[in-house]
Amino acid sequence: MHIGTTLTNYIIETQRNFKGATGEFTGLLNDIAVACKKISDLVNKGDLVDILGSAESENVQGETQKKMDVISNEIFMEALQHNGHVAGLASEEMDEICQLPKNAPRGHYLVLFDPLDGSSNIDVNVSVGTIFSILKAPVHPGDPSTEDFLRPGVEQVAAGYCLYGPSTMMVLTTGQGVNMFTLDRHFGEFLLTHENITIPEDTQEFAINASNMRFWEAPVKRYIDECLQGKEGPRGKDFNMRWVASMVAEVHRILTRGGIFMYPLDEKLKTKGQAGKLRLMYEANPMSFLIEQAGGASTTGRERIMEMKPEHIHQRVPVVLGSKNEVDRVTSYHND
């Protein structure tokens, strides 16, 4: 594949390797791309079209929704429901899975998505994004059930995100590496700009919300303390800290130049009865697929995220992902 290839042509070419490919998967990814283009356009217009600020509602997790959370969810639902490429949908913003309208044609895929990750940043004009995960729909009569969605990350057939930043970028894996596509607004197409992304195994950059330091478990404190000691400490090198509070932006930086991102389990989360902060199905699984396909690693600090059997559709988990040697170090500290 050459730089400048359109997303559609890229998918068509990669699907040639799969016996019995029908074009349905290409159509589905085109549907997702259309939704992301619409969201990108609204994000870029911001207050000009009155999409900033709170929607004065809460999602299933009890979090205050931004206007763009609600709008982005509606855009995704509209883009995917009626084209015959999906059997069912699940959104971070909705209590239950979405059954398609009775008259809508059914496809062979399930899509889970976070329509606007990092939306708390949108009012201050910091990068946000959309995350999506694609599974094959099970073959059985009737519409899919919630149980049909509860499959480990290793069963994903594709995953990706769209970053709405200085440029709009679609980052995608179909299990054959990671490629980045940049939206050319003049042509209205995503064009291949970075192919076969590889994350360096070592890094000198970490991302974590340091305001939670007093709540961290001992292995996380140990790791960060060693990083902060720099050249004089056991790591023998200086580290930089980054924190955007947008998972899409954090992962994009790691895919671009390496690093480690951590949202670990801590005492504050335990007090709330939460097993982690990030959602397994909408954030952790798709991002883990991307990171692993680029040569990185992704764990809860204790186990590989992609092998976890989901317990419920809005399950939360701790996340430690990025450059392989750093993730392995954090995981080994938890297992000491």
C-alpha atoms as a PDB file:
ATOM      1  CA  MET A   1       0.000   0.000   0.000  1.00  0.00           C
ATOM      2  CA  HIS A   2       1.324   3.471  -0.804  1.00  0.00           C
ATOM      3  CA  ILE A   3       1.017   6.770   1.060  1.00  0.00           C
ATOM      4  CA  GLY A   4      -2.023   8.675  -0.162  1.00  0.00           C
ATOM      5  CA  THR A   5      -4.212   5.584  -0.617  1.00  0.00           C
ATOM      6  CA  THR A   6      -7.797   6.295   0.425  1.00  0.00           C
ATOM      7  CA  LEU A   7      -9.229   4.476   3.429  1.00  0.00           C
ATOM      8  CA  THR A   8     -11.777   2.762   1.173  1.00  0.00           C
ATOM      9  CA  ASN A   9      -9.146   1.443  -1.218  1.00  0.00           C
ATOM     10  CA  TYR A  10      -6.979   0.336   1.696  1.00  0.00           C
ATOM     11  CA  ILE A  11      -9.816  -1.735   3.147  1.00  0.00           C
ATOM     12  CA  ILE A  12     -10.693  -3.204  -0.257  1.00  0.00           C
ATOM     13  CA  GLU A  13      -7.078  -4.277  -0.790  1.00  0.00           C
ATOM     14  CA  THR A  14      -6.672  -5.804   2.675  1.00  0.00           C
ATOM     15  CA  GLN A  15      -9.949  -7.695   2.320  1.00  0.00           C
ATOM     16  CA  ARG A  16      -8.681  -9.399  -0.830  1.00  0.00           C
ATOM     17  CA  ASN A  17      -6.671 -11.631   1.529  1.00  0.00           C
ATOM     18  CA  PHE A  18      -9.832 -13.027   3.114  1.00  0.00           C
ATOM     19  CA  LYS A  19     -11.672 -15.820   1.385  1.00  0.00           C
ATOM     20  CA  GLY A  20     -15.361 -15.107   0.958  1.00  0.00           C
ATOM     21  CA  ALA A  21     -15.097 -11.334   1.555  1.00  0.00           C
ATOM     22  CA  THR A  22     -18.352  -9.689   0.426  1.00  0.00           C
ATOM     23  CA  GLY A  23     -17.665  -5.963   0.760  1.00  0.00           C
ATOM     24  CA  GLU A  24     -19.812  -5.692   3.888  1.00  0.00           C
ATOM     25  CA  PHE A  25     -16.800  -4.962   6.102  1.00  0.00           C
ATOM     26  CA  THR A  26     -15.628  -2.234   3.708  1.00  0.00           C
ATOM     27  CA  GLY A  27     -19.107  -0.751   3.807  1.00  0.00           C
ATOM     28  CA  LEU A  28     -19.134  -0.791   7.605  1.00  0.00           C
ATOM     29  CA  LEU A  29     -15.818   1.041   7.866  1.00  0.00           C
ATOM     30  CA  ASN A  30     -17.077   3.580   5.340  1.00  0.00           C
ATOM     31  CA  ASP A  31     -20.147   4.112   7.551  1.00  0.00           C
ATOM     32  CA  ILE A  32     -17.863   4.742  10.530  1.00  0.00           C
ATOM     33  CA  ALA A  33     -15.708   7.119   8.471  1.00  0.00           C
ATOM     34  CA  VAL A  34     -18.784   9.102   7.421  1.00  0.00           C
ATOM     35  CA  ALA A  35     -19.883   9.454  11.054  1.00  0.00           C
ATOM     36  CA  CYS A  36     -16.403  10.596  12.084  1.00  0.00           C
ATOM     37  CA  LYS A  37     -16.300  13.205   9.311  1.00  0.00           C
ATOM     38  CA  LYS A  38     -19.594  14.656  10.542  1.00  0.00           C
ATOM     39  CA  ILE A  39     -18.379  14.736  14.155  1.00  0.00           C
ATOM     40  CA  SER A  40     -15.078  16.310  13.061  1.00  0.00           C
ATOM     41  CA  ASP A  41     -16.925  19.064  11.238  1.00  0.00           C
ATOM     42  CA  LEU A  42     -19.016  19.902  14.312  1.00  0.00           C
ATOM     43  CA  VAL A  43     -16.019  19.770  16.673  1.00  0.00           C
ATOM     44  CA  ASN A  44     -14.161  22.201  14.420  1.00  0.00           C
ATOM     45  CA  LYS A  45     -17.077  24.638  14.411  1.00  0.00           C
ATOM     46  CA  GLY A  46     -17.446  24.551  18.204  1.00  0.00           C
ATOM     47  CA  ASP A  47     -19.376  27.496  19.632  1.00  0.00           C
ATOM     48  CA  LEU A  48     -20.241  28.713  16.130  1.00  0.00           C
ATOM     49  CA  VAL A  49     -22.932  26.024  16.069  1.00  0.00           C
ATOM     50  CA  ASP A  50     -23.620  25.925  19.833  1.00  0.00           C
ATOM     51  CA  ILE A  51     -22.309  22.423  20.516  1.00  0.00           C
ATOM     52  CA  LEU A  52     -20.105  23.227  23.520  1.00  0.00           C
ATOM     53  CA  GLY A  53     -21.109  22.967  27.174  1.00  0.00           C
ATOM     54  CA  SER A  54     -23.251  20.554  29.178  1.00  0.00           C
ATOM     55  CA  ALA A  55     -26.352  18.767  27.900  1.00  0.00           C
ATOM     56  CA  GLU A  56     -27.754  18.802  31.469  1.00  0.00           C
ATOM     57  CA  SER A  57     -28.084  15.017  31.425  1.00  0.00           C
ATOM     58  CA  GLU A  58     -26.136  12.019  32.699  1.00  0.00           C
ATOM     59  CA  ASN A  59     -25.017   8.805  30.988  1.00  0.00           C
ATOM     60  CA  VAL A  60     -25.329   5.316  32.443  1.00  0.00           C
ATOM     61  CA  GLN A  61     -22.150   5.832  34.509  1.00  0.00           C
ATOM     62  CA  GLY A  62     -23.654   8.888  36.195  1.00  0.00           C
ATOM     63  CA  GLU A  63     -21.330  11.272  34.349  1.00  0.00           C
ATOM     64  CA  THR A  64     -22.583  14.633  33.128  1.00  0.00           C
ATOM     65  CA  GLN A  65     -22.917  14.521  29.355  1.00  0.00           C
ATOM     66  CA  LYS A  66     -21.618  17.260  27.105  1.00  0.00           C
ATOM     67  CA  LYS A  67     -23.802  18.396  24.224  1.00  0.00           C
ATOM     68  CA  MET A  68     -21.340  16.786  21.825  1.00  0.00           C
ATOM     69  CA  ASP A  69     -21.582  13.448  23.699  1.00  0.00           C
ATOM     70  CA  VAL A  70     -25.268  13.310  22.848  1.00  0.00           C
ATOM     71  CA  ILE A  71     -24.882  14.661  19.304  1.00  0.00           C
ATOM     72  CA  SER A  72     -21.971  12.323  18.479  1.00  0.00           C
ATOM     73  CA  ASN A  73     -23.922   9.333  19.738  1.00  0.00           C
ATOM     74  CA  GLU A  74     -26.875  10.261  17.543  1.00  0.00           C
ATOM     75  CA  ILE A  75     -24.596  10.701  14.508  1.00  0.00           C
ATOM     76  CA  PHE A  76     -23.053   7.253  15.009  1.00  0.00           C
ATOM     77  CA  MET A  77     -26.404   5.575  15.507  1.00  0.00           C
ATOM     78  CA  GLU A  78     -27.836   7.171  12.391  1.00  0.00           C
ATOM     79  CA  ALA A  79     -24.770   6.287  10.296  1.00  0.00           C
ATOM     80  CA  LEU A  80     -24.712   2.600  11.278  1.00  0.00           C
ATOM     81  CA  GLN A  81     -28.312   1.481  11.817  1.00  0.00           C
ATOM     82  CA  HIS A  82     -29.788   1.385   8.328  1.00  0.00           C
ATOM     83  CA  ASN A  83     -27.099   0.213   5.872  1.00  0.00           C
ATOM     84  CA  GLY A  84     -27.268  -3.536   6.474  1.00  0.00           C
ATOM     85  CA  HIS A  85     -23.711  -3.872   7.787  1.00  0.00           C
ATOM     86  CA  VAL A  86     -24.397  -4.421  11.506  1.00  0.00           C
ATOM     87  CA  ALA A  87     -26.541  -6.751  13.576  1.00  0.00           C
ATOM     88  CA  GLY A  88     -26.378  -4.629  16.734  1.00  0.00           C
ATOM     89  CA  LEU A  89     -24.713  -1.639  18.378  1.00  0.00           C
ATOM     90  CA  ALA A  90     -23.505  -0.729  21.863  1.00  0.00           C
ATOM     91  CA  SER A  91     -22.525   2.757  22.983  1.00  0.00           C
ATOM     92  CA  GLU A  92     -20.829   3.993  26.120  1.00  0.00           C
ATOM     93  CA  GLU A  93     -23.544   6.662  26.286  1.00  0.00           C
ATOM     94  CA  MET A  94     -26.475   4.218  26.353  1.00  0.00           C
ATOM     95  CA  ASP A  95     -27.723   2.044  29.215  1.00  0.00           C
ATOM     96  CA  GLU A  96     -28.354  -1.065  27.109  1.00  0.00           C
ATOM     97  CA  ILE A  97     -27.281  -2.390  23.726  1.00  0.00           C
ATOM     98  CA  CYS A  98     -29.158  -0.975  20.763  1.00  0.00           C
ATOM     99  CA  GLN A  99     -31.444  -3.242  18.787  1.00  0.00           C
ATOM    100  CA  LEU A 100     -31.892  -2.155  15.180  1.00  0.00           C
ATOM    101  CA  PRO A 101     -35.262  -0.880  13.942  1.00  0.00           C
ATOM    102  CA  LYS A 102     -37.486  -3.775  12.857  1.00  0.00           C
ATOM    103  CA  ASN A 103     -37.418  -2.744   9.190  1.00  0.00           C
ATOM    104  CA  ALA A 104     -33.633  -2.219   9.064  1.00  0.00           C
ATOM    105  CA  PRO A 105     -31.533  -4.816   7.181  1.00  0.00           C
ATOM    106  CA  ARG A 106     -29.177  -6.895   9.358  1.00  0.00           C
ATOM    107  CA  GLY A 107     -25.470  -7.396   8.780  1.00  0.00           C
ATOM    108  CA  HIS A 108     -22.796  -9.671  10.204  1.00  0.00           C
ATOM    109  CA  TYR A 109     -20.988  -7.333  12.628  1.00  0.00           C
ATOM    110  CA  LEU A 110     -21.400  -5.877  16.093  1.00  0.00           C
ATOM    111  CA  VAL A 111     -19.998  -2.402  16.785  1.00  0.00           C
ATOM    112  CA  LEU A 112     -19.190  -0.959  20.198  1.00  0.00           C
ATOM    113  CA  PHE A 113     -18.194   2.694  20.407  1.00  0.00           C
ATOM    114  CA  ASP A 114     -17.356   5.646  22.600  1.00  0.00           C
ATOM    115  CA  PRO A 115     -18.727   8.446  20.402  1.00  0.00           C
ATOM    116  CA  LEU A 116     -16.678  11.237  21.987  1.00  0.00           C
ATOM    117  CA  ASP A 117     -13.839  10.206  24.291  1.00  0.00           C
ATOM    118  CA  GLY A 118     -12.320  13.003  26.380  1.00  0.00           C
ATOM    119  CA  SER A 119     -15.360  15.231  25.924  1.00  0.00           C
ATOM    120  CA  SER A 120     -14.538  17.100  29.150  1.00  0.00           C
ATOM    121  CA  ASN A 121     -11.739  18.701  27.103  1.00  0.00           C
ATOM    122  CA  ILE A 122     -13.905  19.990  24.292  1.00  0.00           C
ATOM    123  CA  ASP A 123     -14.839  23.259  25.993  1.00  0.00           C
ATOM    124  CA  VAL A 124     -11.148  24.187  26.308  1.00  0.00           C
ATOM    125  CA  ASN A 125     -10.324  23.211  22.689  1.00  0.00           C
ATOM    126  CA  VAL A 126      -8.141  20.184  23.500  1.00  0.00           C
ATOM    127  CA  SER A 127      -8.085  17.101  21.240  1.00  0.00           C
ATOM    128  CA  VAL A 128     -10.934  14.603  21.640  1.00  0.00           C
ATOM    129  CA  GLY A 129     -11.849  11.508  19.649  1.00  0.00           C
ATOM    130  CA  THR A 130     -14.116   8.586  18.790  1.00  0.00           C
ATOM    131  CA  ILE A 131     -13.177   4.979  19.656  1.00  0.00           C
ATOM    132  CA  PHE A 132     -14.726   1.897  18.033  1.00  0.00           C
ATOM    133  CA  SER A 133     -14.476  -1.893  18.281  1.00  0.00           C
ATOM    134  CA  ILE A 134     -15.851  -4.402  15.748  1.00  0.00           C
ATOM    135  CA  LEU A 135     -16.831  -8.030  16.434  1.00  0.00           C
ATOM    136  CA  LYS A 136     -18.350 -10.666  14.171  1.00  0.00           C
ATOM    137  CA  ALA A 137     -21.997 -11.183  15.071  1.00  0.00           C
ATOM    138  CA  PRO A 138     -22.839 -14.718  16.210  1.00  0.00           C
ATOM    139  CA  VAL A 139     -25.018 -16.731  13.854  1.00  0.00           C
ATOM    140  CA  HIS A 140     -28.367 -17.427  15.504  1.00  0.00           C
ATOM    141  CA  PRO A 141     -32.005 -16.474  14.952  1.00  0.00           C
ATOM    142  CA  GLY A 142     -33.192 -13.103  16.159  1.00  0.00           C
ATOM    143  CA  ASP A 143     -31.406  -9.950  17.258  1.00  0.00           C
ATOM    144  CA  PRO A 144     -28.162 -10.140  19.257  1.00  0.00           C
ATOM    145  CA  SER A 145     -28.327 -10.147  23.038  1.00  0.00           C
ATOM    146  CA  THR A 146     -26.032  -8.387  25.484  1.00  0.00           C
ATOM    147  CA  GLU A 147     -24.220 -11.708  25.960  1.00  0.00           C
ATOM    148  CA  ASP A 148     -23.291 -11.700  22.271  1.00  0.00           C
ATOM    149  CA  PHE A 149     -21.259  -8.525  22.849  1.00  0.00           C
ATOM    150  CA  LEU A 150     -19.458  -9.839  25.944  1.00  0.00           C
ATOM    151  CA  ARG A 151     -16.464 -11.341  24.192  1.00  0.00           C
ATOM    152  CA  PRO A 152     -12.763 -10.957  25.024  1.00  0.00           C
ATOM    153  CA  GLY A 153     -10.718  -8.430  23.077  1.00  0.00           C
ATOM    154  CA  VAL A 154      -8.833 -11.139  21.200  1.00  0.00           C
ATOM    155  CA  GLU A 155     -12.041 -11.753  19.229  1.00  0.00           C
ATOM    156  CA  GLN A 156     -12.124  -8.243  17.758  1.00  0.00           C
ATOM    157  CA  VAL A 157     -11.873  -8.207  13.966  1.00  0.00           C
ATOM    158  CA  ALA A 158     -11.013  -4.501  13.868  1.00  0.00           C
ATOM    159  CA  ALA A 159     -10.634  -1.514  16.139  1.00  0.00           C
ATOM    160  CA  GLY A 160      -9.661   2.093  15.836  1.00  0.00           C
ATOM    161  CA  TYR A 161     -10.191   5.683  16.762  1.00  0.00           C
ATOM    162  CA  CYS A 162     -10.651   9.024  15.094  1.00  0.00           C
ATOM    163  CA  LEU A 163      -8.682  11.896  16.597  1.00  0.00           C
ATOM    164  CA  TYR A 164     -10.139  15.391  16.281  1.00  0.00           C
ATOM    165  CA  GLY A 165      -7.107  17.612  16.726  1.00  0.00           C
ATOM    166  CA  PRO A 166      -5.140  20.071  14.561  1.00  0.00           C
ATOM    167  CA  SER A 167      -5.858  17.504  11.843  1.00  0.00           C
ATOM    168  CA  THR A 168      -8.478  14.748  11.889  1.00  0.00           C
ATOM    169  CA  MET A 169      -6.903  11.285  11.813  1.00  0.00           C
ATOM    170  CA  MET A 170      -8.367   7.804  11.612  1.00  0.00           C
ATOM    171  CA  VAL A 171      -6.149   5.117  13.184  1.00  0.00           C
ATOM    172  CA  LEU A 172      -7.114   1.563  12.345  1.00  0.00           C
ATOM    173  CA  THR A 173      -6.151  -2.063  12.802  1.00  0.00           C
ATOM    174  CA  THR A 174      -7.776  -5.054  11.143  1.00  0.00           C
ATOM    175  CA  GLY A 175      -5.288  -7.413  12.769  1.00  0.00           C
ATOM    176  CA  GLN A 176      -2.619  -6.700  10.160  1.00  0.00           C
ATOM    177  CA  GLY A 177      -0.714  -3.883  11.862  1.00  0.00           C
ATOM    178  CA  VAL A 178      -1.701  -0.278  12.516  1.00  0.00           C
ATOM    179  CA  ASN A 179      -2.135   2.437   9.905  1.00  0.00           C
ATOM    180  CA  MET A 180      -3.007   6.130  10.178  1.00  0.00           C
ATOM    181  CA  PHE A 181      -5.195   8.072   7.760  1.00  0.00           C
ATOM    182  CA  THR A 182      -5.495  11.874   7.682  1.00  0.00           C
ATOM    183  CA  LEU A 183      -8.688  13.594   6.551  1.00  0.00           C
ATOM    184  CA  ASP A 184      -8.121  15.751   3.472  1.00  0.00           C
ATOM    185  CA  ARG A 185     -10.959  18.240   3.826  1.00  0.00           C
ATOM    186  CA  HIS A 186     -10.676  19.416   0.204  1.00  0.00           C
ATOM    187  CA  PHE A 187     -11.451  15.924  -1.097  1.00  0.00           C
ATOM    188  CA  GLY A 188     -13.464  14.684   1.887  1.00  0.00           C
ATOM    189  CA  GLU A 189     -11.389  11.502   2.097  1.00  0.00           C
ATOM    190  CA  PHE A 190      -9.181   9.832   4.686  1.00  0.00           C
ATOM    191  CA  LEU A 191      -5.770   9.282   3.047  1.00  0.00           C
ATOM    192  CA  LEU A 192      -3.047   6.923   4.271  1.00  0.00           C
ATOM    193  CA  THR A 193      -0.249   9.007   5.849  1.00  0.00           C
ATOM    194  CA  HIS A 194       1.532   6.590   8.234  1.00  0.00           C
ATOM    195  CA  GLU A 195       1.735   2.831   7.697  1.00  0.00           C
ATOM    196  CA  ASN A 196       2.825  -0.137   9.792  1.00  0.00           C
ATOM    197  CA  ILE A 197       3.213   1.880  12.987  1.00  0.00           C
ATOM    198  CA  THR A 198       5.683   0.447  15.517  1.00  0.00           C
ATOM    199  CA  ILE A 199       5.943   1.561  19.141  1.00  0.00           C
ATOM    200  CA  PRO A 200       9.502   1.683  20.551  1.00  0.00           C
ATOM    201  CA  GLU A 201       9.948  -0.966  23.250  1.00  0.00           C
ATOM    202  CA  ASP A 202      11.650   1.520  25.577  1.00  0.00           C
ATOM    203  CA  THR A 203      10.612   5.038  26.481  1.00  0.00           C
ATOM    204  CA  GLN A 204      11.413   8.001  28.713  1.00  0.00           C
ATOM    205  CA  GLU A 205       7.865   9.358  28.836  1.00  0.00           C
ATOM    206  CA  PHE A 206       4.948   8.412  31.063  1.00  0.00           C
ATOM    207  CA  ALA A 207       1.355   9.626  31.318  1.00  0.00           C
ATOM    208  CA  ILE A 208      -0.593   9.392  34.561  1.00  0.00           C
ATOM    209  CA  ASN A 209      -2.877  11.630  36.617  1.00  0.00           C
ATOM    210  CA  ALA A 210      -0.396  12.570  39.346  1.00  0.00           C
ATOM    211  CA  SER A 211      -3.116  14.217  41.446  1.00  0.00           C
ATOM    212  CA  ASN A 212      -4.175  10.687  42.439  1.00  0.00           C
ATOM    213  CA  MET A 213      -0.719   9.790  43.737  1.00  0.00           C
ATOM    214  CA  ARG A 214      -1.853   9.471  47.359  1.00  0.00           C
ATOM    215  CA  PHE A 215      -4.376   6.785  46.301  1.00  0.00           C
ATOM    216  CA  TRP A 216      -2.036   4.625  44.184  1.00  0.00           C
ATOM    217  CA  GLU A 217      -1.163   1.045  45.002  1.00  0.00           C
ATOM    218  CA  ALA A 218       2.453   0.310  46.005  1.00  0.00           C
ATOM    219  CA  PRO A 219       3.598  -1.075  42.593  1.00  0.00           C
ATOM    220  CA  VAL A 220       2.476   2.082  40.783  1.00  0.00           C
ATOM    221  CA  LYS A 221       4.110   4.324  43.396  1.00  0.00           C
ATOM    222  CA  ARG A 222       7.318   2.327  43.026  1.00  0.00           C
ATOM    223  CA  TYR A 223       7.338   2.675  39.236  1.00  0.00           C
ATOM    224  CA  ILE A 224       6.637   6.428  39.210  1.00  0.00           C
ATOM    225  CA  ASP A 225       9.118   7.083  42.040  1.00  0.00           C
ATOM    226  CA  GLU A 226      11.834   5.348  40.011  1.00  0.00           C
ATOM    227  CA  CYS A 227      10.969   7.440  36.954  1.00  0.00           C
ATOM    228  CA  LEU A 228      11.065  10.668  38.957  1.00  0.00           C
ATOM    229  CA  GLN A 229      14.513   9.868  40.366  1.00  0.00           C
ATOM    230  CA  GLY A 230      15.859  10.205  36.849  1.00  0.00           C
ATOM    231  CA  LYS A 231      19.518   9.605  36.058  1.00  0.00           C
ATOM    232  CA  GLU A 232      20.384   9.388  39.744  1.00  0.00           C
ATOM    233  CA  GLY A 233      17.834   6.626  40.380  1.00  0.00           C
ATOM    234  CA  PRO A 234      17.656   2.914  39.516  1.00  0.00           C
ATOM    235  CA  ARG A 235      16.438   3.628  35.945  1.00  0.00           C
ATOM    236  CA  GLY A 236      19.531   5.662  35.102  1.00  0.00           C
ATOM    237  CA  LYS A 237      17.682   8.062  32.800  1.00  0.00           C
ATOM    238  CA  ASP A 238      15.411  11.102  33.019  1.00  0.00           C
ATOM    239  CA  PHE A 239      11.695  10.792  32.272  1.00  0.00           C
ATOM    240  CA  ASN A 240       9.118  13.331  31.110  1.00  0.00           C
ATOM    241  CA  MET A 241       5.487  13.296  32.237  1.00  0.00           C
ATOM    242  CA  ARG A 242       2.517  13.976  29.951  1.00  0.00           C
ATOM    243  CA  TRP A 243      -1.185  14.052  30.794  1.00  0.00           C
ATOM    244  CA  VAL A 244      -3.944  15.179  28.404  1.00  0.00           C
ATOM    245  CA  ALA A 245      -6.952  13.488  30.094  1.00  0.00           C
ATOM    246  CA  SER A 246      -8.137  12.276  26.683  1.00  0.00           C
ATOM    247  CA  MET A 247      -7.379   8.604  26.071  1.00  0.00           C
ATOM    248  CA  VAL A 248      -7.417   9.066  22.290  1.00  0.00           C
ATOM    249  CA  ALA A 249      -4.819  11.838  22.525  1.00  0.00           C
ATOM    250  CA  GLU A 250      -2.684   9.824  24.963  1.00  0.00           C
ATOM    251  CA  VAL A 251      -2.710   6.674  22.807  1.00  0.00           C
ATOM    252  CA  HIS A 252      -2.054   8.675  19.655  1.00  0.00           C
ATOM    253  CA  ARG A 253       1.076  10.167  21.194  1.00  0.00           C
ATOM    254  CA  ILE A 254       2.279   6.707  22.232  1.00  0.00           C
ATOM    255  CA  LEU A 255       1.652   5.252  18.765  1.00  0.00           C
ATOM    256  CA  THR A 256       3.531   8.196  17.269  1.00  0.00           C
ATOM    257  CA  ARG A 257       6.619   8.260  19.500  1.00  0.00           C
ATOM    258  CA  GLY A 258       6.308   5.717  22.303  1.00  0.00           C
ATOM    259  CA  GLY A 259       5.525   6.093  25.985  1.00  0.00           C
ATOM    260  CA  ILE A 260       3.398   4.497  28.679  1.00  0.00           C
ATOM    261  CA  PHE A 261      -0.135   5.477  29.710  1.00  0.00           C
ATOM    262  CA  MET A 262      -1.573   4.437  33.060  1.00  0.00           C
ATOM    263  CA  TYR A 263      -4.991   4.738  34.647  1.00  0.00           C
ATOM    264  CA  PRO A 264      -4.412   2.226  37.451  1.00  0.00           C
ATOM    265  CA  LEU A 265      -6.711   0.891  40.115  1.00  0.00           C
ATOM    266  CA  ASP A 266      -6.382   3.017  43.246  1.00  0.00           C
ATOM    267  CA  GLU A 267      -7.966   3.416  46.675  1.00  0.00           C
ATOM    268  CA  LYS A 268     -10.285   6.194  45.528  1.00  0.00           C
ATOM    269  CA  LEU A 269     -11.798   3.953  42.853  1.00  0.00           C
ATOM    270  CA  LYS A 270     -12.066   1.065  45.316  1.00  0.00           C
ATOM    271  CA  THR A 271     -13.964   3.323  47.725  1.00  0.00           C
ATOM    272  CA  LYS A 272     -16.466   4.034  44.944  1.00  0.00           C
ATOM    273  CA  GLY A 273     -16.825   0.310  44.338  1.00  0.00           C
ATOM    274  CA  GLN A 274     -15.192   0.570  40.915  1.00  0.00           C
ATOM    275  CA  ALA A 275     -12.698  -1.973  39.555  1.00  0.00           C
ATOM    276  CA  GLY A 276     -11.082   0.687  37.361  1.00  0.00           C
ATOM    277  CA  LYS A 277     -11.782   3.949  35.558  1.00  0.00           C
ATOM    278  CA  LEU A 278     -11.850   3.089  31.845  1.00  0.00           C
ATOM    279  CA  ARG A 279     -14.461   0.943  30.092  1.00  0.00           C
ATOM    280  CA  LEU A 280     -13.300  -2.461  28.943  1.00  0.00           C
ATOM    281  CA  MET A 281     -15.583  -2.746  25.926  1.00  0.00           C
ATOM    282  CA  TYR A 282     -15.471   0.829  24.609  1.00  0.00           C
ATOM    283  CA  GLU A 283     -11.958   1.990  25.497  1.00  0.00           C
ATOM    284  CA  ALA A 284      -9.594  -0.635  26.901  1.00  0.00           C
ATOM    285  CA  ASN A 285     -10.214  -3.443  24.385  1.00  0.00           C
ATOM    286  CA  PRO A 286     -10.009  -1.414  21.154  1.00  0.00           C
ATOM    287  CA  MET A 287      -7.001   0.587  22.362  1.00  0.00           C
ATOM    288  CA  SER A 288      -5.269  -2.606  23.528  1.00  0.00           C
ATOM    289  CA  PHE A 289      -5.791  -4.145  20.080  1.00  0.00           C
ATOM    290  CA  LEU A 290      -4.158  -1.117  18.442  1.00  0.00           C
ATOM    291  CA  ILE A 291      -1.277  -1.005  20.917  1.00  0.00           C
ATOM    292  CA  GLU A 292      -0.509  -4.733  20.607  1.00  0.00           C
ATOM    293  CA  GLN A 293      -0.696  -4.607  16.816  1.00  0.00           C
ATOM    294  CA  ALA A 294       1.937  -1.850  16.933  1.00  0.00           C
ATOM    295  CA  GLY A 295       4.265  -3.980  19.064  1.00  0.00           C
ATOM    296  CA  GLY A 296       3.302  -2.567  22.458  1.00  0.00           C
ATOM    297  CA  ALA A 297       1.639  -4.178  25.461  1.00  0.00           C
ATOM    298  CA  SER A 298      -1.547  -3.568  27.414  1.00  0.00           C
ATOM    299  CA  THR A 299      -2.481  -4.944  30.842  1.00  0.00           C
ATOM    300  CA  THR A 300      -4.542  -4.105  33.886  1.00  0.00           C
ATOM    301  CA  GLY A 301      -1.243  -4.064  35.778  1.00  0.00           C
ATOM    302  CA  ARG A 302      -1.874  -7.730  36.525  1.00  0.00           C
ATOM    303  CA  GLU A 303      -3.247  -9.433  33.404  1.00  0.00           C
ATOM    304  CA  ARG A 304      -3.499  -8.949  29.654  1.00  0.00           C
ATOM    305  CA  ILE A 305      -6.595  -6.866  28.916  1.00  0.00           C
ATOM    306  CA  MET A 306      -7.357  -8.581  25.598  1.00  0.00           C
ATOM    307  CA  GLU A 307      -7.820 -11.943  27.331  1.00  0.00           C
ATOM    308  CA  MET A 308     -10.338 -10.765  29.928  1.00  0.00           C
ATOM    309  CA  LYS A 309     -13.824 -12.270  29.722  1.00  0.00           C
ATOM    310  CA  PRO A 310     -16.220  -9.316  30.069  1.00  0.00           C
ATOM    311  CA  GLU A 311     -18.745  -9.535  32.874  1.00  0.00           C
ATOM    312  CA  HIS A 312     -21.056  -6.700  31.790  1.00  0.00           C
ATOM    313  CA  ILE A 313     -21.327  -4.204  28.963  1.00  0.00           C
ATOM    314  CA  HIS A 314     -20.147  -1.170  30.971  1.00  0.00           C
ATOM    315  CA  GLN A 315     -17.413  -2.945  32.946  1.00  0.00           C
ATOM    316  CA  ARG A 316     -14.476  -0.796  34.063  1.00  0.00           C
ATOM    317  CA  VAL A 317     -10.863  -1.929  34.291  1.00  0.00           C
ATOM    318  CA  PRO A 318      -7.446  -0.475  35.181  1.00  0.00           C
ATOM    319  CA  VAL A 319      -5.276   0.225  32.124  1.00  0.00           C
ATOM    320  CA  VAL A 320      -1.495   0.203  31.662  1.00  0.00           C
ATOM    321  CA  LEU A 321      -0.470   0.358  27.992  1.00  0.00           C
ATOM    322  CA  GLY A 322       2.301   1.475  25.670  1.00  0.00           C
ATOM    323  CA  SER A 323       5.966   0.660  25.165  1.00  0.00           C
ATOM    324  CA  LYS A 324       6.374  -3.035  25.892  1.00  0.00           C
ATOM    325  CA  ASN A 325       9.334  -2.993  28.278  1.00  0.00           C
ATOM    326  CA  GLU A 326       7.765  -0.325  30.487  1.00  0.00           C
ATOM    327  CA  VAL A 327       4.379  -2.070  30.629  1.00  0.00           C
ATOM    328  CA  ASP A 328       6.113  -5.356  31.451  1.00  0.00           C
ATOM    329  CA  ARG A 329       8.000  -3.616  34.272  1.00  0.00           C
ATOM    330  CA  VAL A 330       4.798  -2.234  35.835  1.00  0.00           C
ATOM    331  CA  THR A 331       3.116  -5.634  35.518  1.00  0.00           C
ATOM    332  CA  SER A 332       6.078  -7.385  37.121  1.00  0.00           C
ATOM    333  CA  TYR A 333       5.930  -4.977  40.078  1.00  0.00           C
ATOM    334  CA  HIS A 334       2.305  -5.951  40.650  1.00  0.00           C
ATOM    335  CA  ASN A 335       3.219  -9.623  40.508  1.00  0.00           C
ATOM    336  CA  ASP A 336       6.255  -9.409  42.842  1.00  0.00           C
END
